[in-house]
Amino acid sequence: MADYLTNRRPWRLMPCLALLLPALLLSLPVTAQEEPSDGANVWKIVEEQWNAEGNGDRKWPDRLLADGFTGWDKDSPAPRDKASTIYWERFLERQSSMVAHELYPLSIIVTGDTAIAHYLYTSAFENKDGTIDMQNGRFTDVLVRSDDGWKLLAWHGGEDD
């Protein structure tokens, strides 16, 4: 017994660790795959907003914008609340319609119940006269988690100069 106390050999635990460590490591990827990441859920909302607008879905602001929403497009003189955003979306729908778009995510940051998504876009709009206008630009969207999932709280961006 005295020999055991004075001559401890930690390597005696190695066979146990050799069995436990792989079991632990193998269980981690399964857990990570079962739940989608917050970043993926945030990006899904960003894409849903663009797709809804492109498909002529007039109800997307009520579904995707948080009650306290404020957005500021580069071509707006000031930030717009939810009601103003809906008003101007309706006006712009009568001028042209989005016929194609592609989004390029740059960065998504999630901290607690707040997320920020930075991305670039390319979009094509068909005007009333049938001409197509192409745009390239960038946006930063701020989202908050609600009982109904992620909602857009703010955005800023627009067409590049």
N, C-alpha and C. Protein backbone atom coordinates (compact mmCIF):
# COMPACT_ATOMS: atom_id res chain seq x y z
N MET A 1 0.82 -1.19 0.00
CA MET A 1 0.00 0.00 0.00
C MET A 1 0.86 1.25 0.00
N ALA A 2 1.93 1.26 0.77
CA ALA A 2 2.81 2.41 0.82
C ALA A 2 3.43 2.65 -0.54
N ASP A 3 3.74 1.59 -1.27
CA ASP A 3 4.32 1.71 -2.61
C ASP A 3 3.33 2.41 -3.54
N TYR A 4 2.05 2.10 -3.42
CA TYR A 4 1.05 2.73 -4.26
C TYR A 4 0.95 4.23 -3.99
N LEU A 5 1.00 4.64 -2.71
CA LEU A 5 0.88 6.04 -2.37
C LEU A 5 2.08 6.86 -2.80
N THR A 6 3.24 6.30 -2.77
CA THR A 6 4.45 7.06 -3.10
C THR A 6 4.83 6.93 -4.56
N ASN A 7 4.33 5.94 -5.22
CA ASN A 7 4.73 5.69 -6.61
C ASN A 7 3.50 5.69 -7.52
N ARG A 8 2.74 6.77 -7.53
CA ARG A 8 1.54 6.86 -8.36
C ARG A 8 1.92 6.97 -9.82
N ARG A 9 1.17 6.29 -10.62
CA ARG A 9 1.44 6.32 -12.06
C ARG A 9 0.15 6.70 -12.77
N PRO A 10 0.05 7.95 -13.20
CA PRO A 10 -1.19 8.38 -13.86
C PRO A 10 -1.48 7.63 -15.14
N TRP A 11 -0.47 7.06 -15.74
CA TRP A 11 -0.69 6.35 -17.00
C TRP A 11 -1.55 5.12 -16.81
N ARG A 12 -1.77 4.69 -15.55
CA ARG A 12 -2.64 3.55 -15.29
C ARG A 12 -4.08 3.85 -15.69
N LEU A 13 -4.44 5.13 -15.76
CA LEU A 13 -5.79 5.52 -16.15
C LEU A 13 -5.97 5.59 -17.67
N MET A 14 -4.89 5.46 -18.38
CA MET A 14 -4.94 5.60 -19.84
C MET A 14 -5.91 4.63 -20.51
N PRO A 15 -5.98 3.37 -20.13
CA PRO A 15 -6.96 2.50 -20.81
C PRO A 15 -8.40 3.00 -20.64
N CYS A 16 -8.73 3.52 -19.47
CA CYS A 16 -10.09 4.05 -19.26
C CYS A 16 -10.33 5.29 -20.12
N LEU A 17 -9.35 6.19 -20.16
CA LEU A 17 -9.48 7.40 -20.97
C LEU A 17 -9.56 7.05 -22.46
N ALA A 18 -8.81 6.04 -22.85
CA ALA A 18 -8.81 5.64 -24.26
C ALA A 18 -10.18 5.15 -24.69
N LEU A 19 -10.96 4.59 -23.77
CA LEU A 19 -12.31 4.14 -24.10
C LEU A 19 -13.34 5.26 -24.00
N LEU A 20 -13.18 6.16 -23.03
CA LEU A 20 -14.16 7.22 -22.81
C LEU A 20 -14.05 8.36 -23.82
N LEU A 21 -12.84 8.74 -24.16
CA LEU A 21 -12.64 9.88 -25.04
C LEU A 21 -13.27 9.68 -26.42
N PRO A 22 -13.05 8.57 -27.10
CA PRO A 22 -13.72 8.39 -28.40
C PRO A 22 -15.24 8.38 -28.29
N ALA A 23 -15.76 7.78 -27.23
CA ALA A 23 -17.22 7.76 -27.06
C ALA A 23 -17.76 9.18 -26.90
N LEU A 24 -17.06 10.01 -26.14
CA LEU A 24 -17.47 11.39 -25.97
C LEU A 24 -17.38 12.16 -27.28
N LEU A 25 -16.30 12.02 -27.99
CA LEU A 25 -16.12 12.74 -29.25
C LEU A 25 -17.13 12.31 -30.31
N LEU A 26 -17.47 11.03 -30.34
CA LEU A 26 -18.44 10.56 -31.32
C LEU A 26 -19.85 11.07 -31.03
N SER A 27 -20.14 11.37 -29.78
CA SER A 27 -21.48 11.84 -29.44
C SER A 27 -21.67 13.31 -29.79
N LEU A 28 -20.62 14.10 -29.89
CA LEU A 28 -20.75 15.53 -30.15
C LEU A 28 -21.34 15.86 -31.52
N PRO A 29 -20.86 15.29 -32.62
CA PRO A 29 -21.43 15.65 -33.92
C PRO A 29 -22.91 15.31 -34.04
N VAL A 30 -23.36 14.25 -33.41
CA VAL A 30 -24.76 13.86 -33.48
C VAL A 30 -25.62 14.95 -32.83
N THR A 31 -25.20 15.45 -31.69
CA THR A 31 -25.94 16.50 -31.01
C THR A 31 -25.97 17.76 -31.86
N ALA A 32 -24.83 18.13 -32.45
CA ALA A 32 -24.76 19.35 -33.25
C ALA A 32 -25.64 19.25 -34.49
N GLN A 33 -25.80 18.08 -35.06
CA GLN A 33 -26.59 17.93 -36.27
C GLN A 33 -28.09 17.91 -35.99
N GLU A 34 -28.49 17.60 -34.79
CA GLU A 34 -29.90 17.49 -34.49
C GLU A 34 -30.59 18.85 -34.41
N GLU A 35 -29.87 19.88 -34.02
CA GLU A 35 -30.47 21.20 -33.89
C GLU A 35 -29.82 22.17 -34.87
N PRO A 36 -30.64 22.84 -35.71
CA PRO A 36 -30.04 23.82 -36.62
C PRO A 36 -29.47 25.00 -35.83
N SER A 37 -28.44 25.58 -36.33
CA SER A 37 -27.80 26.69 -35.63
C SER A 37 -28.65 27.94 -35.71
N ASP A 38 -28.45 28.82 -34.74
CA ASP A 38 -29.14 30.11 -34.77
C ASP A 38 -28.78 30.88 -36.03
N GLY A 39 -27.51 30.82 -36.43
CA GLY A 39 -27.09 31.53 -37.64
C GLY A 39 -27.85 31.06 -38.86
N ALA A 40 -28.06 29.77 -38.98
CA ALA A 40 -28.83 29.23 -40.12
C ALA A 40 -30.28 29.70 -40.06
N ASN A 41 -30.85 29.75 -38.87
CA ASN A 41 -32.24 30.22 -38.73
C ASN A 41 -32.35 31.70 -39.06
N VAL A 42 -31.36 32.48 -38.67
CA VAL A 42 -31.35 33.91 -39.00
C VAL A 42 -31.28 34.09 -40.51
N TRP A 43 -30.37 33.37 -41.16
CA TRP A 43 -30.23 33.50 -42.61
C TRP A 43 -31.50 33.06 -43.32
N LYS A 44 -32.20 32.08 -42.78
CA LYS A 44 -33.46 31.63 -43.36
C LYS A 44 -34.47 32.77 -43.39
N ILE A 45 -34.52 33.60 -42.35
CA ILE A 45 -35.45 34.73 -42.31
C ILE A 45 -35.05 35.80 -43.33
N VAL A 46 -33.75 36.07 -43.44
CA VAL A 46 -33.28 37.04 -44.43
C VAL A 46 -33.71 36.59 -45.83
N GLU A 47 -33.47 35.32 -46.14
CA GLU A 47 -33.86 34.80 -47.45
C GLU A 47 -35.38 34.80 -47.63
N GLU A 48 -36.10 34.48 -46.57
CA GLU A 48 -37.57 34.46 -46.66
C GLU A 48 -38.11 35.85 -47.00
N GLN A 49 -37.52 36.88 -46.43
CA GLN A 49 -37.97 38.25 -46.72
C GLN A 49 -37.76 38.58 -48.19
N TRP A 50 -36.57 38.29 -48.70
CA TRP A 50 -36.29 38.58 -50.12
C TRP A 50 -37.17 37.73 -51.04
N ASN A 51 -37.34 36.46 -50.72
CA ASN A 51 -38.18 35.58 -51.55
C ASN A 51 -39.63 36.04 -51.53
N ALA A 52 -40.13 36.43 -50.37
CA ALA A 52 -41.51 36.89 -50.27
C ALA A 52 -41.72 38.14 -51.11
N GLU A 53 -40.78 39.07 -51.04
CA GLU A 53 -40.90 40.28 -51.85
C GLU A 53 -40.85 39.94 -53.33
N GLY A 54 -39.96 39.03 -53.71
CA GLY A 54 -39.84 38.63 -55.10
C GLY A 54 -41.06 37.88 -55.62
N ASN A 55 -41.78 37.19 -54.72
CA ASN A 55 -42.97 36.43 -55.11
C ASN A 55 -44.25 37.26 -55.01
N GLY A 56 -44.12 38.54 -54.66
CA GLY A 56 -45.30 39.39 -54.56
C GLY A 56 -46.13 39.16 -53.31
N ASP A 57 -45.54 38.55 -52.30
CA ASP A 57 -46.24 38.29 -51.03
C ASP A 57 -46.37 39.61 -50.26
N ARG A 58 -47.56 40.15 -50.23
CA ARG A 58 -47.78 41.45 -49.58
C ARG A 58 -47.86 41.34 -48.06
N LYS A 59 -47.92 40.14 -47.52
CA LYS A 59 -48.08 39.96 -46.08
C LYS A 59 -46.75 39.79 -45.35
N TRP A 60 -45.64 39.77 -46.09
CA TRP A 60 -44.36 39.51 -45.42
C TRP A 60 -44.02 40.53 -44.33
N PRO A 61 -44.34 41.84 -44.47
CA PRO A 61 -43.96 42.76 -43.38
C PRO A 61 -44.64 42.41 -42.06
N ASP A 62 -45.91 42.03 -42.10
CA ASP A 62 -46.60 41.66 -40.87
C ASP A 62 -46.02 40.40 -40.24
N ARG A 63 -45.55 39.50 -41.07
CA ARG A 63 -45.02 38.22 -40.61
C ARG A 63 -43.56 38.31 -40.16
N LEU A 64 -42.76 39.15 -40.82
CA LEU A 64 -41.31 39.10 -40.61
C LEU A 64 -40.72 40.32 -39.89
N LEU A 65 -41.45 41.43 -39.83
CA LEU A 65 -40.92 42.62 -39.17
C LEU A 65 -41.38 42.66 -37.71
N ALA A 66 -40.45 42.93 -36.81
CA ALA A 66 -40.79 43.10 -35.39
C ALA A 66 -41.62 44.37 -35.23
N ASP A 67 -42.41 44.43 -34.16
CA ASP A 67 -43.26 45.60 -33.93
C ASP A 67 -42.47 46.90 -33.85
N GLY A 68 -41.30 46.88 -33.27
CA GLY A 68 -40.48 48.08 -33.14
C GLY A 68 -39.53 48.31 -34.30
N PHE A 69 -39.80 47.71 -35.46
CA PHE A 69 -38.89 47.76 -36.61
C PHE A 69 -38.59 49.19 -37.05
N THR A 70 -37.34 49.42 -37.43
CA THR A 70 -36.90 50.64 -38.09
C THR A 70 -35.86 50.26 -39.14
N GLY A 71 -36.11 50.61 -40.40
CA GLY A 71 -35.17 50.31 -41.47
C GLY A 71 -34.77 51.57 -42.20
N TRP A 72 -33.53 51.58 -42.69
CA TRP A 72 -33.04 52.77 -43.38
C TRP A 72 -32.32 52.36 -44.65
N ASP A 73 -33.06 52.41 -45.76
CA ASP A 73 -32.44 52.18 -47.06
C ASP A 73 -31.62 53.41 -47.43
N LYS A 74 -30.56 53.19 -48.20
CA LYS A 74 -29.69 54.30 -48.59
C LYS A 74 -30.44 55.39 -49.36
N ASP A 75 -31.49 55.01 -50.09
CA ASP A 75 -32.21 56.01 -50.87
C ASP A 75 -33.35 56.66 -50.09
N SER A 76 -33.47 56.37 -48.81
CA SER A 76 -34.49 57.01 -47.96
C SER A 76 -33.87 58.20 -47.24
N PRO A 77 -34.63 59.28 -47.07
CA PRO A 77 -34.08 60.44 -46.38
C PRO A 77 -33.91 60.22 -44.88
N ALA A 78 -34.64 59.22 -44.33
CA ALA A 78 -34.59 58.96 -42.89
C ALA A 78 -35.00 57.51 -42.65
N PRO A 79 -34.73 57.00 -41.46
CA PRO A 79 -35.21 55.65 -41.14
C PRO A 79 -36.74 55.58 -41.19
N ARG A 80 -37.25 54.40 -41.53
CA ARG A 80 -38.69 54.20 -41.63
C ARG A 80 -39.14 53.13 -40.63
N ASP A 81 -40.26 53.41 -39.96
CA ASP A 81 -40.82 52.42 -39.06
C ASP A 81 -41.58 51.37 -39.87
N LYS A 82 -42.22 50.44 -39.19
CA LYS A 82 -42.92 49.35 -39.87
C LYS A 82 -44.03 49.86 -40.78
N ALA A 83 -44.84 50.79 -40.29
CA ALA A 83 -45.95 51.32 -41.10
C ALA A 83 -45.44 52.05 -42.34
N SER A 84 -44.40 52.84 -42.19
CA SER A 84 -43.83 53.56 -43.32
C SER A 84 -43.20 52.59 -44.33
N THR A 85 -42.55 51.56 -43.83
CA THR A 85 -41.95 50.55 -44.72
C THR A 85 -43.03 49.87 -45.53
N ILE A 86 -44.15 49.52 -44.91
CA ILE A 86 -45.27 48.90 -45.63
C ILE A 86 -45.82 49.87 -46.69
N TYR A 87 -45.99 51.12 -46.32
CA TYR A 87 -46.50 52.14 -47.26
C TYR A 87 -45.62 52.22 -48.50
N TRP A 88 -44.31 52.36 -48.31
CA TRP A 88 -43.41 52.53 -49.44
C TRP A 88 -43.23 51.24 -50.23
N GLU A 89 -43.33 50.08 -49.58
CA GLU A 89 -43.29 48.81 -50.32
C GLU A 89 -44.47 48.73 -51.27
N ARG A 90 -45.66 49.13 -50.81
CA ARG A 90 -46.86 49.12 -51.66
C ARG A 90 -46.70 50.08 -52.85
N PHE A 91 -46.14 51.25 -52.58
CA PHE A 91 -45.92 52.21 -53.66
C PHE A 91 -44.94 51.64 -54.69
N LEU A 92 -43.82 51.10 -54.24
CA LEU A 92 -42.80 50.59 -55.16
C LEU A 92 -43.28 49.38 -55.94
N GLU A 93 -44.18 48.58 -55.35
CA GLU A 93 -44.75 47.44 -56.08
C GLU A 93 -45.48 47.88 -57.35
N ARG A 94 -46.07 49.07 -57.32
CA ARG A 94 -46.78 49.58 -58.49
C ARG A 94 -45.83 50.12 -59.55
N GLN A 95 -44.58 50.38 -59.19
CA GLN A 95 -43.60 50.93 -60.13
C GLN A 95 -42.80 49.84 -60.84
N SER A 96 -42.47 48.77 -60.11
CA SER A 96 -41.67 47.69 -60.68
C SER A 96 -41.83 46.44 -59.81
N SER A 97 -41.36 45.32 -60.34
CA SER A 97 -41.41 44.08 -59.57
C SER A 97 -40.06 43.36 -59.67
N MET A 98 -39.67 42.76 -58.57
CA MET A 98 -38.42 42.01 -58.56
C MET A 98 -38.63 40.71 -59.34
N VAL A 99 -37.75 40.47 -60.31
CA VAL A 99 -37.87 39.25 -61.13
C VAL A 99 -36.77 38.25 -60.82
N ALA A 100 -35.71 38.68 -60.15
CA ALA A 100 -34.63 37.77 -59.77
C ALA A 100 -33.78 38.44 -58.69
N HIS A 101 -33.17 37.61 -57.87
CA HIS A 101 -32.22 38.12 -56.88
C HIS A 101 -31.31 36.98 -56.43
N GLU A 102 -30.17 37.36 -55.93
CA GLU A 102 -29.23 36.42 -55.33
C GLU A 102 -28.57 37.11 -54.15
N LEU A 103 -28.46 36.38 -53.04
CA LEU A 103 -27.87 36.92 -51.82
C LEU A 103 -26.53 36.25 -51.55
N TYR A 104 -25.61 37.02 -50.99
CA TYR A 104 -24.26 36.53 -50.70
C TYR A 104 -23.94 36.83 -49.24
N PRO A 105 -24.16 35.87 -48.33
CA PRO A 105 -23.90 36.14 -46.91
C PRO A 105 -22.42 36.38 -46.65
N LEU A 106 -22.13 37.39 -45.85
CA LEU A 106 -20.76 37.70 -45.47
C LEU A 106 -20.47 37.31 -44.03
N SER A 107 -21.41 37.64 -43.14
CA SER A 107 -21.19 37.41 -41.72
C SER A 107 -22.52 37.39 -40.99
N ILE A 108 -22.67 36.44 -40.08
CA ILE A 108 -23.84 36.39 -39.20
C ILE A 108 -23.33 36.24 -37.78
N ILE A 109 -23.75 37.15 -36.93
CA ILE A 109 -23.32 37.16 -35.53
C ILE A 109 -24.58 37.00 -34.68
N VAL A 110 -24.57 36.02 -33.77
CA VAL A 110 -25.71 35.82 -32.88
C VAL A 110 -25.20 35.92 -31.45
N THR A 111 -25.83 36.80 -30.67
CA THR A 111 -25.52 36.93 -29.25
C THR A 111 -26.84 36.92 -28.50
N GLY A 112 -27.11 35.85 -27.80
CA GLY A 112 -28.37 35.74 -27.08
C GLY A 112 -29.54 35.77 -28.04
N ASP A 113 -30.44 36.72 -27.84
CA ASP A 113 -31.64 36.83 -28.66
C ASP A 113 -31.53 37.92 -29.73
N THR A 114 -30.30 38.32 -30.06
CA THR A 114 -30.06 39.34 -31.07
C THR A 114 -29.09 38.79 -32.12
N ALA A 115 -29.34 39.11 -33.37
CA ALA A 115 -28.47 38.66 -34.45
C ALA A 115 -28.24 39.80 -35.44
N ILE A 116 -27.07 39.79 -36.06
CA ILE A 116 -26.73 40.74 -37.11
C ILE A 116 -26.27 39.94 -38.32
N ALA A 117 -26.85 40.25 -39.47
CA ALA A 117 -26.48 39.58 -40.72
C ALA A 117 -25.99 40.63 -41.71
N HIS A 118 -24.75 40.47 -42.18
CA HIS A 118 -24.18 41.33 -43.22
C HIS A 118 -24.17 40.52 -44.51
N TYR A 119 -24.62 41.12 -45.61
CA TYR A 119 -24.63 40.39 -46.88
C TYR A 119 -24.66 41.35 -48.06
N LEU A 120 -24.30 40.80 -49.21
CA LEU A 120 -24.38 41.50 -50.49
C LEU A 120 -25.55 40.93 -51.27
N TYR A 121 -25.99 41.67 -52.28
CA TYR A 121 -27.08 41.16 -53.11
C TYR A 121 -26.91 41.63 -54.54
N THR A 122 -27.52 40.89 -55.44
CA THR A 122 -27.75 41.29 -56.82
C THR A 122 -29.23 41.08 -57.07
N SER A 123 -29.90 42.06 -57.66
CA SER A 123 -31.32 41.90 -57.95
C SER A 123 -31.65 42.52 -59.30
N ALA A 124 -32.73 42.03 -59.87
CA ALA A 124 -33.22 42.55 -61.15
C ALA A 124 -34.69 42.92 -60.97
N PHE A 125 -35.05 44.13 -61.43
CA PHE A 125 -36.42 44.62 -61.35
C PHE A 125 -36.93 44.91 -62.75
N GLU A 126 -38.17 44.49 -63.01
CA GLU A 126 -38.81 44.84 -64.27
C GLU A 126 -39.71 46.04 -64.02
N ASN A 127 -39.45 47.11 -64.75
CA ASN A 127 -40.25 48.33 -64.63
C ASN A 127 -41.56 48.20 -65.39
N LYS A 128 -42.46 49.15 -65.17
CA LYS A 128 -43.76 49.14 -65.85
C LYS A 128 -43.61 49.14 -67.37
N ASP A 129 -42.54 49.78 -67.88
CA ASP A 129 -42.34 49.83 -69.33
C ASP A 129 -41.64 48.58 -69.88
N GLY A 130 -41.37 47.60 -69.02
CA GLY A 130 -40.78 46.35 -69.47
C GLY A 130 -39.26 46.30 -69.42
N THR A 131 -38.61 47.41 -69.10
CA THR A 131 -37.14 47.40 -69.00
C THR A 131 -36.71 46.75 -67.69
N ILE A 132 -35.52 46.20 -67.73
CA ILE A 132 -34.96 45.52 -66.55
C ILE A 132 -33.85 46.38 -65.97
N ASP A 133 -33.91 46.63 -64.69
CA ASP A 133 -32.85 47.33 -63.97
C ASP A 133 -32.15 46.35 -63.05
N MET A 134 -30.83 46.32 -63.14
CA MET A 134 -30.00 45.46 -62.28
C MET A 134 -29.43 46.30 -61.15
N GLN A 135 -29.35 45.71 -59.96
CA GLN A 135 -28.76 46.38 -58.81
C GLN A 135 -27.80 45.44 -58.10
N ASN A 136 -26.72 46.01 -57.61
CA ASN A 136 -25.82 45.32 -56.70
C ASN A 136 -25.72 46.19 -55.46
N GLY A 137 -25.75 45.57 -54.29
CA GLY A 137 -25.69 46.36 -53.08
C GLY A 137 -25.39 45.52 -51.86
N ARG A 138 -25.60 46.13 -50.71
CA ARG A 138 -25.28 45.48 -49.43
C ARG A 138 -26.28 45.89 -48.37
N PHE A 139 -26.48 45.00 -47.44
CA PHE A 139 -27.37 45.28 -46.31
C PHE A 139 -26.77 44.70 -45.03
N THR A 140 -27.16 45.32 -43.94
CA THR A 140 -26.95 44.80 -42.61
C THR A 140 -28.33 44.72 -41.97
N ASP A 141 -28.73 43.52 -41.57
CA ASP A 141 -30.02 43.31 -40.92
C ASP A 141 -29.78 42.98 -39.45
N VAL A 142 -30.62 43.52 -38.59
CA VAL A 142 -30.60 43.19 -37.16
C VAL A 142 -31.89 42.45 -36.87
N LEU A 143 -31.77 41.28 -36.27
CA LEU A 143 -32.93 40.46 -35.96
C LEU A 143 -33.00 40.19 -34.46
N VAL A 144 -34.21 39.97 -33.96
CA VAL A 144 -34.41 39.61 -32.56
C VAL A 144 -35.25 38.32 -32.52
N ARG A 145 -34.95 37.52 -31.52
CA ARG A 145 -35.71 36.29 -31.34
C ARG A 145 -37.00 36.62 -30.58
N SER A 146 -38.12 36.15 -31.09
CA SER A 146 -39.42 36.36 -30.44
C SER A 146 -40.04 34.99 -30.18
N ASP A 147 -41.23 34.99 -29.63
CA ASP A 147 -41.95 33.73 -29.41
C ASP A 147 -42.25 33.04 -30.75
N ASP A 148 -42.35 33.83 -31.82
CA ASP A 148 -42.65 33.30 -33.15
C ASP A 148 -41.40 33.02 -33.97
N GLY A 149 -40.22 33.10 -33.37
CA GLY A 149 -38.97 32.91 -34.10
C GLY A 149 -38.27 34.24 -34.33
N TRP A 150 -37.34 34.27 -35.26
CA TRP A 150 -36.57 35.47 -35.54
C TRP A 150 -37.40 36.47 -36.33
N LYS A 151 -37.27 37.75 -35.96
CA LYS A 151 -37.96 38.85 -36.65
C LYS A 151 -36.94 39.94 -36.97
N LEU A 152 -37.16 40.63 -38.07
CA LEU A 152 -36.31 41.75 -38.44
C LEU A 152 -36.63 42.96 -37.57
N LEU A 153 -35.63 43.48 -36.88
CA LEU A 153 -35.81 44.65 -36.03
C LEU A 153 -35.32 45.92 -36.74
N ALA A 154 -34.28 45.78 -37.55
CA ALA A 154 -33.72 46.94 -38.26
C ALA A 154 -32.92 46.45 -39.46
N TRP A 155 -32.76 47.34 -40.42
CA TRP A 155 -31.82 47.10 -41.52
C TRP A 155 -31.30 48.41 -42.03
N HIS A 156 -30.16 48.32 -42.65
CA HIS A 156 -29.56 49.49 -43.30
C HIS A 156 -28.77 48.99 -44.50
N GLY A 157 -28.91 49.70 -45.61
CA GLY A 157 -28.15 49.34 -46.80
C GLY A 157 -28.86 49.80 -48.04
N GLY A 158 -28.44 49.22 -49.14
CA GLY A 158 -29.04 49.55 -50.43
C GLY A 158 -28.04 49.38 -51.55
N GLU A 159 -28.42 49.94 -52.69
CA GLU A 159 -27.64 49.80 -53.90
C GLU A 159 -26.28 50.49 -53.75
N ASP A 160 -25.25 49.81 -54.26
CA ASP A 160 -23.92 50.41 -54.28
C ASP A 160 -23.91 51.55 -55.31
N ASP A 161 -23.11 52.56 -55.01
CA ASP A 161 -22.99 53.71 -55.92
C ASP A 161 -22.16 53.37 -57.14
